[in-house]
């Protein structure tokens, strides 16, 4: 199953690839458990939903599910050719989605909202929100249908052990005194869980999130995403200005991966990634950047789309192509990120 989470791209044009561009400052803002309001407001149905801001797209089995602006959740059963809008009890920006199998998924977003689906993304219920915080959850990960974690602004870390019926604030498990924003969480093969965030913050857990170790990372700027490779203990962390780092020992040591574009070093922010079935990795970001690796992240090829749209997430289309999300909604492309109808032009 391909997965990545990109909490990026959140300014007025695309809500850009940094929490700092969200307009948040680093200050105290505790998470408080809250019950969903009695009056349910659903996302407005729109024929243009698939062309609006979409921040994350993943697989629920063979089905594709995408989330984004105004509570929009879309699904596709034909490899992204057509999209259907799900009925969603939210009008908030949804930042990330995760499916643990072909039926059970969770989406998170602003107002610390957590939505859940038990039918592959066709219908959704609201499990949690905190209106008082006025800040988002930015990524979500589940071990199985019961155990999951959500991360977000101001160091928020929420946990459930009953499939989301109850969510507990466990932010104090992290050594995060400055309450740096937590942008992404991912599993690393044969190692554990890894979180990255604001100011290069990094945390790792070898026991499914019960305890966490703070790490001294290689970079002091914001990291927007993290992904485990097909190789044990190996992961990639990425963020501002094309900064990309690789570790083969679960984050104890890091090497910077150089990215060379046609006109020099890649300087666009990177915001989302996926691990494909064949073990290759694709990462996307601002400026239409699509970079790919077939050697567990040691080297990457770089492609910048001519339209230079900001991209937030990527997954496999199921037919060898890619589904990209971000500015302008969801896009089906060739494996390198180029538009399919431009194949003859060599793009």
C-alpha atoms as a PDB file:
ATOM      1  CA  UNK A   1       0.000   0.000   0.000  1.00  0.00           C
ATOM      2  CA  UNK A   2       1.410   3.362  -0.929  1.00  0.00           C
ATOM      3  CA  UNK A   3       1.335   6.026   1.655  1.00  0.00           C
ATOM      4  CA  UNK A   4       2.632   9.400   2.354  1.00  0.00           C
ATOM      5  CA  UNK A   5       1.523  12.358   4.082  1.00  0.00           C
ATOM      6  CA  UNK A   6       2.207  15.604   3.245  1.00  0.00           C
ATOM      7  CA  UNK A   7       1.044  18.321   5.517  1.00  0.00           C
ATOM      8  CA  UNK A   8       2.370  20.887   3.156  1.00  0.00           C
ATOM      9  CA  UNK A   9       1.042  23.518   0.776  1.00  0.00           C
ATOM     10  CA  UNK A  10      -1.179  25.677   2.905  1.00  0.00           C
ATOM     11  CA  UNK A  11      -0.840  29.393   1.975  1.00  0.00           C
ATOM     12  CA  UNK A  12      -3.503  31.310   0.089  1.00  0.00           C
ATOM     13  CA  UNK A  13      -2.286  30.039  -3.257  1.00  0.00           C
ATOM     14  CA  UNK A  14      -1.759  26.533  -2.001  1.00  0.00           C
ATOM     15  CA  UNK A  15      -1.359  27.141   1.679  1.00  0.00           C
ATOM     16  CA  UNK A  16       2.441  26.571   0.771  1.00  0.00           C
ATOM     17  CA  UNK A  17       4.752  23.868   2.020  1.00  0.00           C
ATOM     18  CA  UNK A  18       5.465  25.016   5.527  1.00  0.00           C
ATOM     19  CA  UNK A  19       3.598  25.395   8.750  1.00  0.00           C
ATOM     20  CA  UNK A  20       5.281  28.752   9.122  1.00  0.00           C
ATOM     21  CA  UNK A  21       3.407  29.780   5.972  1.00  0.00           C
ATOM     22  CA  UNK A  22       0.225  28.709   7.698  1.00  0.00           C
ATOM     23  CA  UNK A  23       0.713  31.717   9.905  1.00  0.00           C
ATOM     24  CA  UNK A  24       1.319  29.764  13.111  1.00  0.00           C
ATOM     25  CA  UNK A  25       3.838  30.872  15.696  1.00  0.00           C
ATOM     26  CA  UNK A  26       5.493  28.502  18.140  1.00  0.00           C
ATOM     27  CA  UNK A  27       3.624  28.986  21.383  1.00  0.00           C
ATOM     28  CA  UNK A  28       1.655  27.049  23.919  1.00  0.00           C
ATOM     29  CA  UNK A  29      -1.636  25.622  22.689  1.00  0.00           C
ATOM     30  CA  UNK A  30      -2.638  22.436  24.511  1.00  0.00           C
ATOM     31  CA  UNK A  31      -4.870  19.836  22.926  1.00  0.00           C
ATOM     32  CA  UNK A  32      -8.198  19.443  24.687  1.00  0.00           C
ATOM     33  CA  UNK A  33     -10.524  16.556  23.998  1.00  0.00           C
ATOM     34  CA  UNK A  34     -13.813  17.705  22.536  1.00  0.00           C
ATOM     35  CA  UNK A  35     -17.034  16.122  21.430  1.00  0.00           C
ATOM     36  CA  UNK A  36     -18.412  16.618  17.955  1.00  0.00           C
ATOM     37  CA  UNK A  37     -21.185  19.253  17.788  1.00  0.00           C
ATOM     38  CA  UNK A  38     -24.774  18.102  17.666  1.00  0.00           C
ATOM     39  CA  UNK A  39     -25.487  19.932  14.400  1.00  0.00           C
ATOM     40  CA  UNK A  40     -23.612  18.230  11.574  1.00  0.00           C
ATOM     41  CA  UNK A  41     -22.564  20.412   8.630  1.00  0.00           C
ATOM     42  CA  UNK A  42     -21.579  18.505   5.501  1.00  0.00           C
ATOM     43  CA  UNK A  43     -19.071  19.495   2.831  1.00  0.00           C
ATOM     44  CA  UNK A  44     -20.752  21.284  -0.064  1.00  0.00           C
ATOM     45  CA  UNK A  45     -21.090  19.130  -3.156  1.00  0.00           C
ATOM     46  CA  UNK A  46     -19.164  20.545  -6.094  1.00  0.00           C
ATOM     47  CA  UNK A  47     -18.655  19.350  -9.639  1.00  0.00           C
ATOM     48  CA  UNK A  48     -15.210  20.979  -9.478  1.00  0.00           C
ATOM     49  CA  UNK A  49     -14.075  19.251  -6.273  1.00  0.00           C
ATOM     50  CA  UNK A  50     -11.488  17.155  -8.134  1.00  0.00           C
ATOM     51  CA  UNK A  51      -9.926  20.398  -9.441  1.00  0.00           C
ATOM     52  CA  UNK A  52      -9.815  22.146  -6.073  1.00  0.00           C
ATOM     53  CA  UNK A  53      -6.940  22.054  -3.583  1.00  0.00           C
ATOM     54  CA  UNK A  54      -6.193  18.400  -2.738  1.00  0.00           C
ATOM     55  CA  UNK A  55      -3.514  17.772  -0.113  1.00  0.00           C
ATOM     56  CA  UNK A  56      -3.322  13.990   0.112  1.00  0.00           C
ATOM     57  CA  UNK A  57      -4.176  10.937  -1.975  1.00  0.00           C
ATOM     58  CA  UNK A  58      -3.745   7.277  -0.968  1.00  0.00           C
ATOM     59  CA  UNK A  59      -4.982   3.784  -1.747  1.00  0.00           C
ATOM     60  CA  UNK A  60      -7.802   1.968   0.054  1.00  0.00           C
ATOM     61  CA  UNK A  61      -7.115  -1.346  -1.599  1.00  0.00           C
ATOM     62  CA  UNK A  62      -7.582  -0.764  -5.322  1.00  0.00           C
ATOM     63  CA  UNK A  63      -9.619   2.392  -4.697  1.00  0.00           C
ATOM     64  CA  UNK A  64      -8.017   5.845  -4.609  1.00  0.00           C
ATOM     65  CA  UNK A  65      -9.090   8.287  -1.888  1.00  0.00           C
ATOM     66  CA  UNK A  66      -8.125  11.989  -1.847  1.00  0.00           C
ATOM     67  CA  UNK A  67      -8.738  14.745   0.726  1.00  0.00           C
ATOM     68  CA  UNK A  68      -8.428  18.512   0.629  1.00  0.00           C
ATOM     69  CA  UNK A  69     -10.078  21.902   0.847  1.00  0.00           C
ATOM     70  CA  UNK A  70     -13.531  22.534   2.390  1.00  0.00           C
ATOM     71  CA  UNK A  71     -13.916  19.000   3.671  1.00  0.00           C
ATOM     72  CA  UNK A  72     -13.729  17.488   0.204  1.00  0.00           C
ATOM     73  CA  UNK A  73     -13.074  13.741   0.111  1.00  0.00           C
ATOM     74  CA  UNK A  74     -13.055  12.068  -3.303  1.00  0.00           C
ATOM     75  CA  UNK A  75     -12.726   8.471  -4.391  1.00  0.00           C
ATOM     76  CA  UNK A  76     -11.957   6.778  -7.695  1.00  0.00           C
ATOM     77  CA  UNK A  77     -12.427   3.162  -8.767  1.00  0.00           C
ATOM     78  CA  UNK A  78     -10.944   3.585 -12.248  1.00  0.00           C
ATOM     79  CA  UNK A  79      -7.329   4.553 -11.484  1.00  0.00           C
ATOM     80  CA  UNK A  80      -8.088   8.255 -11.261  1.00  0.00           C
ATOM     81  CA  UNK A  81      -9.956   8.691 -14.527  1.00  0.00           C
ATOM     82  CA  UNK A  82     -13.127   9.806 -12.720  1.00  0.00           C
ATOM     83  CA  UNK A  83     -13.743  10.935  -9.151  1.00  0.00           C
ATOM     84  CA  UNK A  84     -16.829  10.829  -6.935  1.00  0.00           C
ATOM     85  CA  UNK A  85     -17.319  13.154  -3.980  1.00  0.00           C
ATOM     86  CA  UNK A  86     -18.078  11.417  -0.683  1.00  0.00           C
ATOM     87  CA  UNK A  87     -20.538  12.810   1.858  1.00  0.00           C
ATOM     88  CA  UNK A  88     -18.352  14.273   4.590  1.00  0.00           C
ATOM     89  CA  UNK A  89     -19.434  15.864   7.916  1.00  0.00           C
ATOM     90  CA  UNK A  90     -16.919  18.725   7.674  1.00  0.00           C
ATOM     91  CA  UNK A  91     -16.125  21.879   5.729  1.00  0.00           C
ATOM     92  CA  UNK A  92     -12.628  22.261   7.122  1.00  0.00           C
ATOM     93  CA  UNK A  93      -9.400  21.816   5.180  1.00  0.00           C
ATOM     94  CA  UNK A  94      -8.382  18.154   5.428  1.00  0.00           C
ATOM     95  CA  UNK A  95      -4.624  17.693   5.411  1.00  0.00           C
ATOM     96  CA  UNK A  96      -3.942  13.936   5.388  1.00  0.00           C
ATOM     97  CA  UNK A  97      -5.584  10.539   5.031  1.00  0.00           C
ATOM     98  CA  UNK A  98      -4.468   6.993   5.900  1.00  0.00           C
ATOM     99  CA  UNK A  99      -6.047   3.605   5.204  1.00  0.00           C
ATOM    100  CA  UNK A 100      -4.893   0.590   7.183  1.00  0.00           C
ATOM    101  CA  UNK A 101      -6.722  -1.789   4.806  1.00  0.00           C
ATOM    102  CA  UNK A 102      -9.236  -1.548   1.967  1.00  0.00           C
ATOM    103  CA  UNK A 103     -12.058  -0.529   4.322  1.00  0.00           C
ATOM    104  CA  UNK A 104     -10.781   1.349   7.370  1.00  0.00           C
ATOM    105  CA  UNK A 105      -9.361   4.844   6.986  1.00  0.00           C
ATOM    106  CA  UNK A 106      -8.931   8.106   8.863  1.00  0.00           C
ATOM    107  CA  UNK A 107      -8.580  11.703   7.678  1.00  0.00           C
ATOM    108  CA  UNK A 108      -7.350  14.666   9.739  1.00  0.00           C
ATOM    109  CA  UNK A 109      -7.471  18.420   9.316  1.00  0.00           C
ATOM    110  CA  UNK A 110      -8.146  21.844  10.748  1.00  0.00           C
ATOM    111  CA  UNK A 111      -9.928  22.302  14.081  1.00  0.00           C
ATOM    112  CA  UNK A 112      -8.051  19.130  15.053  1.00  0.00           C
ATOM    113  CA  UNK A 113     -10.705  17.159  13.241  1.00  0.00           C
ATOM    114  CA  UNK A 114     -10.465  13.392  12.810  1.00  0.00           C
ATOM    115  CA  UNK A 115     -12.853  11.648  10.410  1.00  0.00           C
ATOM    116  CA  UNK A 116     -13.217   7.888   9.953  1.00  0.00           C
ATOM    117  CA  UNK A 117     -14.492   5.552   7.250  1.00  0.00           C
ATOM    118  CA  UNK A 118     -15.284   1.845   7.499  1.00  0.00           C
ATOM    119  CA  UNK A 119     -16.329   1.320   3.861  1.00  0.00           C
ATOM    120  CA  UNK A 120     -13.290   2.309   1.848  1.00  0.00           C
ATOM    121  CA  UNK A 121     -13.960   6.056   1.866  1.00  0.00           C
ATOM    122  CA  UNK A 122     -17.553   6.033   0.610  1.00  0.00           C
ATOM    123  CA  UNK A 123     -18.960   7.443   3.865  1.00  0.00           C
ATOM    124  CA  UNK A 124     -17.361   9.245   6.803  1.00  0.00           C
ATOM    125  CA  UNK A 125     -18.115  10.054  10.440  1.00  0.00           C
ATOM    126  CA  UNK A 126     -16.491  12.644  12.693  1.00  0.00           C
ATOM    127  CA  UNK A 127     -14.661  11.060  15.623  1.00  0.00           C
ATOM    128  CA  UNK A 128     -12.970  14.086  17.174  1.00  0.00           C
ATOM    129  CA  UNK A 129     -12.476  17.830  16.923  1.00  0.00           C
ATOM    130  CA  UNK A 130     -11.259  20.686  19.106  1.00  0.00           C
ATOM    131  CA  UNK A 131     -12.662  24.031  17.981  1.00  0.00           C
ATOM    132  CA  UNK A 132     -10.823  25.954  20.701  1.00  0.00           C
ATOM    133  CA  UNK A 133      -7.388  25.085  19.373  1.00  0.00           C
ATOM    134  CA  UNK A 134      -7.919  26.747  15.972  1.00  0.00           C
ATOM    135  CA  UNK A 135      -5.027  24.702  14.602  1.00  0.00           C
ATOM    136  CA  UNK A 136      -4.730  21.593  12.455  1.00  0.00           C
ATOM    137  CA  UNK A 137      -3.753  18.011  12.734  1.00  0.00           C
ATOM    138  CA  UNK A 138      -1.319  17.344   9.908  1.00  0.00           C
ATOM    139  CA  UNK A 139      -0.784  13.612   9.575  1.00  0.00           C
ATOM    140  CA  UNK A 140      -2.180  10.304  10.781  1.00  0.00           C
ATOM    141  CA  UNK A 141      -0.914   6.717  10.972  1.00  0.00           C
ATOM    142  CA  UNK A 142      -2.529   3.463  12.090  1.00  0.00           C
ATOM    143  CA  UNK A 143      -0.890   0.170  13.048  1.00  0.00           C
ATOM    144  CA  UNK A 144      -4.176  -1.762  12.697  1.00  0.00           C
ATOM    145  CA  UNK A 145      -7.898  -1.039  12.921  1.00  0.00           C
ATOM    146  CA  UNK A 146      -7.580  -0.185  16.631  1.00  0.00           C
ATOM    147  CA  UNK A 147      -4.245   1.539  17.262  1.00  0.00           C
ATOM    148  CA  UNK A 148      -3.405   4.891  15.676  1.00  0.00           C
ATOM    149  CA  UNK A 149      -1.633   8.220  16.133  1.00  0.00           C
ATOM    150  CA  UNK A 150      -2.254  11.717  14.791  1.00  0.00           C
ATOM    151  CA  UNK A 151       0.241  14.604  14.831  1.00  0.00           C
ATOM    152  CA  UNK A 152      -0.131  18.313  14.282  1.00  0.00           C
ATOM    153  CA  UNK A 153       0.572  21.928  15.118  1.00  0.00           C
ATOM    154  CA  UNK A 154       2.027  22.999  18.465  1.00  0.00           C
ATOM    155  CA  UNK A 155       3.435  19.542  19.122  1.00  0.00           C
ATOM    156  CA  UNK A 156       0.086  17.775  19.113  1.00  0.00           C
ATOM    157  CA  UNK A 157       0.243  13.985  19.435  1.00  0.00           C
ATOM    158  CA  UNK A 158      -3.050  12.112  19.829  1.00  0.00           C
ATOM    159  CA  UNK A 159      -3.491   8.368  20.325  1.00  0.00           C
ATOM    160  CA  UNK A 160      -6.354   5.918  20.026  1.00  0.00           C
ATOM    161  CA  UNK A 161      -6.421   2.250  21.009  1.00  0.00           C
ATOM    162  CA  UNK A 162     -10.054   1.565  20.080  1.00  0.00           C
ATOM    163  CA  UNK A 163     -10.271   2.584  16.431  1.00  0.00           C
ATOM    164  CA  UNK A 164     -10.920   6.236  17.217  1.00  0.00           C
ATOM    165  CA  UNK A 165     -13.847   5.916  19.610  1.00  0.00           C
ATOM    166  CA  UNK A 166     -11.634   7.724  22.087  1.00  0.00           C
ATOM    167  CA  UNK A 167      -8.588   9.898  21.407  1.00  0.00           C
ATOM    168  CA  UNK A 168      -6.080  10.788  24.132  1.00  0.00           C
ATOM    169  CA  UNK A 169      -3.599  13.652  24.180  1.00  0.00           C
ATOM    170  CA  UNK A 170      -0.173  12.025  24.638  1.00  0.00           C
ATOM    171  CA  UNK A 171       1.923  15.016  23.551  1.00  0.00           C
ATOM    172  CA  UNK A 172       3.918  14.806  26.782  1.00  0.00           C
ATOM    173  CA  UNK A 173       5.543  11.605  25.517  1.00  0.00           C
ATOM    174  CA  UNK A 174       7.711  13.810  23.304  1.00  0.00           C
ATOM    175  CA  UNK A 175      10.625  15.915  24.486  1.00  0.00           C
ATOM    176  CA  UNK A 176       9.246  18.941  22.629  1.00  0.00           C
ATOM    177  CA  UNK A 177       9.390  21.806  25.107  1.00  0.00           C
ATOM    178  CA  UNK A 178       9.110  24.431  22.354  1.00  0.00           C
ATOM    179  CA  UNK A 179       6.020  22.686  20.977  1.00  0.00           C
ATOM    180  CA  UNK A 180       7.394  22.571  17.456  1.00  0.00           C
ATOM    181  CA  UNK A 181       4.785  21.698  14.868  1.00  0.00           C
ATOM    182  CA  UNK A 182       4.798  18.001  13.974  1.00  0.00           C
ATOM    183  CA  UNK A 183       4.351  17.692  10.225  1.00  0.00           C
ATOM    184  CA  UNK A 184       4.505  13.983   9.438  1.00  0.00           C
ATOM    185  CA  UNK A 185       4.619  10.491  10.906  1.00  0.00           C
ATOM    186  CA  UNK A 186       5.645   7.275   9.136  1.00  0.00           C
ATOM    187  CA  UNK A 187       6.640   3.684   9.811  1.00  0.00           C
ATOM    188  CA  UNK A 188      10.185   2.534   9.023  1.00  0.00           C
ATOM    189  CA  UNK A 189      10.727  -1.109   8.069  1.00  0.00           C
ATOM    190  CA  UNK A 190      12.070  -3.298  10.892  1.00  0.00           C
ATOM    191  CA  UNK A 191      12.604  -0.230  13.078  1.00  0.00           C
ATOM    192  CA  UNK A 192       9.564   1.709  14.316  1.00  0.00           C
ATOM    193  CA  UNK A 193       7.865   5.071  13.912  1.00  0.00           C
ATOM    194  CA  UNK A 194       9.422   8.390  12.963  1.00  0.00           C
ATOM    195  CA  UNK A 195       8.107  11.959  13.298  1.00  0.00           C
ATOM    196  CA  UNK A 196       9.539  15.093  11.665  1.00  0.00           C
ATOM    197  CA  UNK A 197       8.551  18.714  12.003  1.00  0.00           C
ATOM    198  CA  UNK A 198       9.374  22.351  12.470  1.00  0.00           C
ATOM    199  CA  UNK A 199      13.000  23.510  12.928  1.00  0.00           C
ATOM    200  CA  UNK A 200      14.331  20.118  11.882  1.00  0.00           C
ATOM    201  CA  UNK A 201      12.763  18.353  14.859  1.00  0.00           C
ATOM    202  CA  UNK A 202      12.919  14.543  14.798  1.00  0.00           C
ATOM    203  CA  UNK A 203      11.553  11.843  17.088  1.00  0.00           C
ATOM    204  CA  UNK A 204      11.655   8.062  16.834  1.00  0.00           C
ATOM    205  CA  UNK A 205       9.856   5.236  18.603  1.00  0.00           C
ATOM    206  CA  UNK A 206      10.703   1.538  18.617  1.00  0.00           C
ATOM    207  CA  UNK A 207       7.513   0.524  20.471  1.00  0.00           C
ATOM    208  CA  UNK A 208       4.670   1.800  18.289  1.00  0.00           C
ATOM    209  CA  UNK A 209       4.609   5.240  19.897  1.00  0.00           C
ATOM    210  CA  UNK A 210       4.570   4.373  23.585  1.00  0.00           C
ATOM    211  CA  UNK A 211       7.967   6.008  24.150  1.00  0.00           C
ATOM    212  CA  UNK A 212       9.878   8.454  21.968  1.00  0.00           C
ATOM    213  CA  UNK A 213      13.497   9.495  21.604  1.00  0.00           C
ATOM    214  CA  UNK A 214      14.390  13.013  20.491  1.00  0.00           C
ATOM    215  CA  UNK A 215      17.131  13.133  17.864  1.00  0.00           C
ATOM    216  CA  UNK A 216      19.594  15.784  16.774  1.00  0.00           C
ATOM    217  CA  UNK A 217      18.826  16.013  13.091  1.00  0.00           C
ATOM    218  CA  UNK A 218      21.029  17.165  10.206  1.00  0.00           C
ATOM    219  CA  UNK A 219      18.959  20.228   9.320  1.00  0.00           C
ATOM    220  CA  UNK A 220      17.574  23.193  11.249  1.00  0.00           C
ATOM    221  CA  UNK A 221      14.865  24.126   8.754  1.00  0.00           C
ATOM    222  CA  UNK A 222      11.367  22.693   8.633  1.00  0.00           C
ATOM    223  CA  UNK A 223      10.932  19.117   7.516  1.00  0.00           C
ATOM    224  CA  UNK A 224       7.591  18.458   5.847  1.00  0.00           C
ATOM    225  CA  UNK A 225       7.693  14.707   5.362  1.00  0.00           C
ATOM    226  CA  UNK A 226       9.297  11.377   6.142  1.00  0.00           C
ATOM    227  CA  UNK A 227       9.066   7.984   4.448  1.00  0.00           C
ATOM    228  CA  UNK A 228      10.515   4.559   5.093  1.00  0.00           C
ATOM    229  CA  UNK A 229      12.103   2.767   2.141  1.00  0.00           C
ATOM    230  CA  UNK A 230      11.906  -0.926   1.212  1.00  0.00           C
ATOM    231  CA  UNK A 231      15.277  -1.385   2.923  1.00  0.00           C
ATOM    232  CA  UNK A 232      15.254  -2.142   6.692  1.00  0.00           C
ATOM    233  CA  UNK A 233      16.080   0.760   9.041  1.00  0.00           C
ATOM    234  CA  UNK A 234      16.262   3.152   6.065  1.00  0.00           C
ATOM    235  CA  UNK A 235      14.268   6.364   5.731  1.00  0.00           C
ATOM    236  CA  UNK A 236      14.186   9.731   3.987  1.00  0.00           C
ATOM    237  CA  UNK A 237      13.296  13.101   5.509  1.00  0.00           C
ATOM    238  CA  UNK A 238      12.608  16.127   3.318  1.00  0.00           C
ATOM    239  CA  UNK A 239      11.565  19.752   3.520  1.00  0.00           C
ATOM    240  CA  UNK A 240      12.379  23.332   2.566  1.00  0.00           C
ATOM    241  CA  UNK A 241      14.409  24.269  -0.522  1.00  0.00           C
ATOM    242  CA  UNK A 242      14.813  20.717  -1.756  1.00  0.00           C
ATOM    243  CA  UNK A 243      16.573  19.551   1.383  1.00  0.00           C
ATOM    244  CA  UNK A 244      16.551  15.744   1.426  1.00  0.00           C
ATOM    245  CA  UNK A 245      18.337  13.491   3.913  1.00  0.00           C
ATOM    246  CA  UNK A 246      18.800   9.719   4.091  1.00  0.00           C
ATOM    247  CA  UNK A 247      19.499   7.471   7.059  1.00  0.00           C
ATOM    248  CA  UNK A 248      20.209   3.730   7.042  1.00  0.00           C
ATOM    249  CA  UNK A 249      20.168   3.309  10.848  1.00  0.00           C
ATOM    250  CA  UNK A 250      16.741   4.629  11.879  1.00  0.00           C
ATOM    251  CA  UNK A 251      17.886   8.228  12.153  1.00  0.00           C
ATOM    252  CA  UNK A 252      21.101   7.900  14.141  1.00  0.00           C
ATOM    253  CA  UNK A 253      23.178   9.157  11.211  1.00  0.00           C
ATOM    254  CA  UNK A 254      22.227  11.098   8.092  1.00  0.00           C
ATOM    255  CA  UNK A 255      23.607  11.928   4.675  1.00  0.00           C
ATOM    256  CA  UNK A 256      22.264  14.672   2.444  1.00  0.00           C
ATOM    257  CA  UNK A 257      20.997  13.545  -0.951  1.00  0.00           C
ATOM    258  CA  UNK A 258      21.944  15.979  -3.689  1.00  0.00           C
ATOM    259  CA  UNK A 259      19.209  16.813  -6.173  1.00  0.00           C
ATOM    260  CA  UNK A 260      20.323  18.163  -9.520  1.00  0.00           C
ATOM    261  CA  UNK A 261      17.713  19.791 -11.733  1.00  0.00           C
ATOM    262  CA  UNK A 262      18.221  20.886 -15.342  1.00  0.00           C
ATOM    263  CA  UNK A 263      19.244  24.363 -14.210  1.00  0.00           C
ATOM    264  CA  UNK A 264      21.251  23.510 -11.114  1.00  0.00           C
ATOM    265  CA  UNK A 265      20.349  22.292  -7.631  1.00  0.00           C
ATOM    266  CA  UNK A 266      16.689  21.757  -6.839  1.00  0.00           C
ATOM    267  CA  UNK A 267      15.513  24.528  -4.515  1.00  0.00           C
ATOM    268  CA  UNK A 268      11.773  23.870  -4.301  1.00  0.00           C
ATOM    269  CA  UNK A 269      10.251  22.603  -1.064  1.00  0.00           C
ATOM    270  CA  UNK A 270       9.410  18.886  -0.960  1.00  0.00           C
ATOM    271  CA  UNK A 271       6.131  17.949   0.640  1.00  0.00           C
ATOM    272  CA  UNK A 272       4.912  14.395  -0.037  1.00  0.00           C
ATOM    273  CA  UNK A 273       6.166  10.937  -1.013  1.00  0.00           C
ATOM    274  CA  UNK A 274       5.141   7.372  -1.726  1.00  0.00           C
ATOM    275  CA  UNK A 275       6.783   3.966  -1.746  1.00  0.00           C
ATOM    276  CA  UNK A 276       5.688   2.076  -4.850  1.00  0.00           C
ATOM    277  CA  UNK A 277       5.100  -1.673  -5.093  1.00  0.00           C
ATOM    278  CA  UNK A 278       8.441  -2.245  -6.843  1.00  0.00           C
ATOM    279  CA  UNK A 279      10.335  -0.479  -4.042  1.00  0.00           C
ATOM    280  CA  UNK A 280      10.933   2.759  -5.936  1.00  0.00           C
ATOM    281  CA  UNK A 281      10.227   6.084  -4.249  1.00  0.00           C
ATOM    282  CA  UNK A 282       8.590   9.217  -5.644  1.00  0.00           C
ATOM    283  CA  UNK A 283       8.673  12.590  -3.864  1.00  0.00           C
ATOM    284  CA  UNK A 284       6.805  15.728  -4.972  1.00  0.00           C
ATOM    285  CA  UNK A 285       6.868  19.399  -4.037  1.00  0.00           C
ATOM    286  CA  UNK A 286       6.537  23.000  -5.096  1.00  0.00           C
ATOM    287  CA  UNK A 287       7.367  24.195  -8.593  1.00  0.00           C
ATOM    288  CA  UNK A 288       6.004  20.997 -10.126  1.00  0.00           C
ATOM    289  CA  UNK A 289       8.904  18.992  -8.726  1.00  0.00           C
ATOM    290  CA  UNK A 290       8.677  15.208  -9.116  1.00  0.00           C
ATOM    291  CA  UNK A 291      11.761  13.243  -8.079  1.00  0.00           C
ATOM    292  CA  UNK A 292      12.144   9.465  -8.151  1.00  0.00           C
ATOM    293  CA  UNK A 293      14.582   6.826  -6.906  1.00  0.00           C
ATOM    294  CA  UNK A 294      15.014   3.131  -7.661  1.00  0.00           C
ATOM    295  CA  UNK A 295      17.867   2.527  -5.195  1.00  0.00           C
ATOM    296  CA  UNK A 296      16.187   3.102  -1.814  1.00  0.00           C
ATOM    297  CA  UNK A 297      16.815   6.828  -1.940  1.00  0.00           C
ATOM    298  CA  UNK A 298      20.549   6.876  -2.628  1.00  0.00           C
ATOM    299  CA  UNK A 299      20.077   8.801  -5.877  1.00  0.00           C
ATOM    300  CA  UNK A 300      17.151  10.564  -7.538  1.00  0.00           C
ATOM    301  CA  UNK A 301      16.153  11.689 -10.988  1.00  0.00           C
ATOM    302  CA  UNK A 302      14.494  15.114 -11.088  1.00  0.00           C
ATOM    303  CA  UNK A 303      11.621  16.284 -13.275  1.00  0.00           C
ATOM    304  CA  UNK A 304       9.998  19.703 -13.052  1.00  0.00           C
ATOM    305  CA  UNK A 305       6.581  19.894 -14.633  1.00  0.00           C
ATOM    306  CA  UNK A 306       6.274  22.741 -17.175  1.00  0.00           C
ATOM    307  CA  UNK A 307       3.148  24.047 -15.399  1.00  0.00           C
ATOM    308  CA  UNK A 308       5.164  24.484 -12.165  1.00  0.00           C
ATOM    309  CA  UNK A 309       2.104  23.671 -10.033  1.00  0.00           C
ATOM    310  CA  UNK A 310       2.682  23.080  -6.323  1.00  0.00           C
ATOM    311  CA  UNK A 311       2.254  19.413  -5.440  1.00  0.00           C
ATOM    312  CA  UNK A 312       1.518  17.971  -2.026  1.00  0.00           C
ATOM    313  CA  UNK A 313       1.112  14.197  -2.446  1.00  0.00           C
ATOM    314  CA  UNK A 314       1.676  11.281  -4.812  1.00  0.00           C
ATOM    315  CA  UNK A 315       0.615   7.656  -5.136  1.00  0.00           C
ATOM    316  CA  UNK A 316       0.470   4.945  -7.792  1.00  0.00           C
ATOM    317  CA  UNK A 317      -2.376   5.052 -10.289  1.00  0.00           C
ATOM    318  CA  UNK A 318      -2.433   1.267 -10.484  1.00  0.00           C
ATOM    319  CA  UNK A 319      -1.444   1.069 -14.157  1.00  0.00           C
ATOM    320  CA  UNK A 320       2.179   2.157 -13.937  1.00  0.00           C
ATOM    321  CA  UNK A 321       1.296   5.847 -13.907  1.00  0.00           C
ATOM    322  CA  UNK A 322       1.082   8.263 -10.983  1.00  0.00           C
ATOM    323  CA  UNK A 323      -1.628  10.249  -9.249  1.00  0.00           C
ATOM    324  CA  UNK A 324      -0.388  13.648  -8.088  1.00  0.00           C
ATOM    325  CA  UNK A 325      -2.364  15.981  -5.835  1.00  0.00           C
ATOM    326  CA  UNK A 326      -2.044  19.630  -4.901  1.00  0.00           C
ATOM    327  CA  UNK A 327      -2.766  22.809  -6.798  1.00  0.00           C
ATOM    328  CA  UNK A 328      -5.526  22.185  -9.322  1.00  0.00           C
ATOM    329  CA  UNK A 329      -6.672  18.972  -7.658  1.00  0.00           C
ATOM    330  CA  UNK A 330      -5.713  15.457  -8.727  1.00  0.00           C
ATOM    331  CA  UNK A 331      -3.609  14.746 -11.821  1.00  0.00           C
ATOM    332  CA  UNK A 332      -2.926  11.432 -13.585  1.00  0.00           C
ATOM    333  CA  UNK A 333       0.585  11.473 -15.052  1.00  0.00           C
ATOM    334  CA  UNK A 334       3.318   9.365 -16.558  1.00  0.00           C
ATOM    335  CA  UNK A 335       5.724   7.653 -14.101  1.00  0.00           C
ATOM    336  CA  UNK A 336       8.042  10.685 -14.168  1.00  0.00           C
ATOM    337  CA  UNK A 337       5.238  13.159 -13.413  1.00  0.00           C
ATOM    338  CA  UNK A 338       4.694  14.450 -16.957  1.00  0.00           C
ATOM    339  CA  UNK A 339       1.220  14.808 -18.416  1.00  0.00           C
ATOM    340  CA  UNK A 340       0.157  11.700 -20.305  1.00  0.00           C
ATOM    341  CA  UNK A 341      -0.976  13.669 -23.368  1.00  0.00           C
ATOM    342  CA  UNK A 342       2.526  15.166 -23.631  1.00  0.00           C
ATOM    343  CA  UNK A 343       4.250  11.806 -24.045  1.00  0.00           C
ATOM    344  CA  UNK A 344       4.955  12.380 -27.730  1.00  0.00           C
ATOM    345  CA  UNK A 345       6.513  15.714 -26.907  1.00  0.00           C
ATOM    346  CA  UNK A 346       9.086  13.962 -24.754  1.00  0.00           C
ATOM    347  CA  UNK A 347       7.883  15.562 -21.515  1.00  0.00           C
END
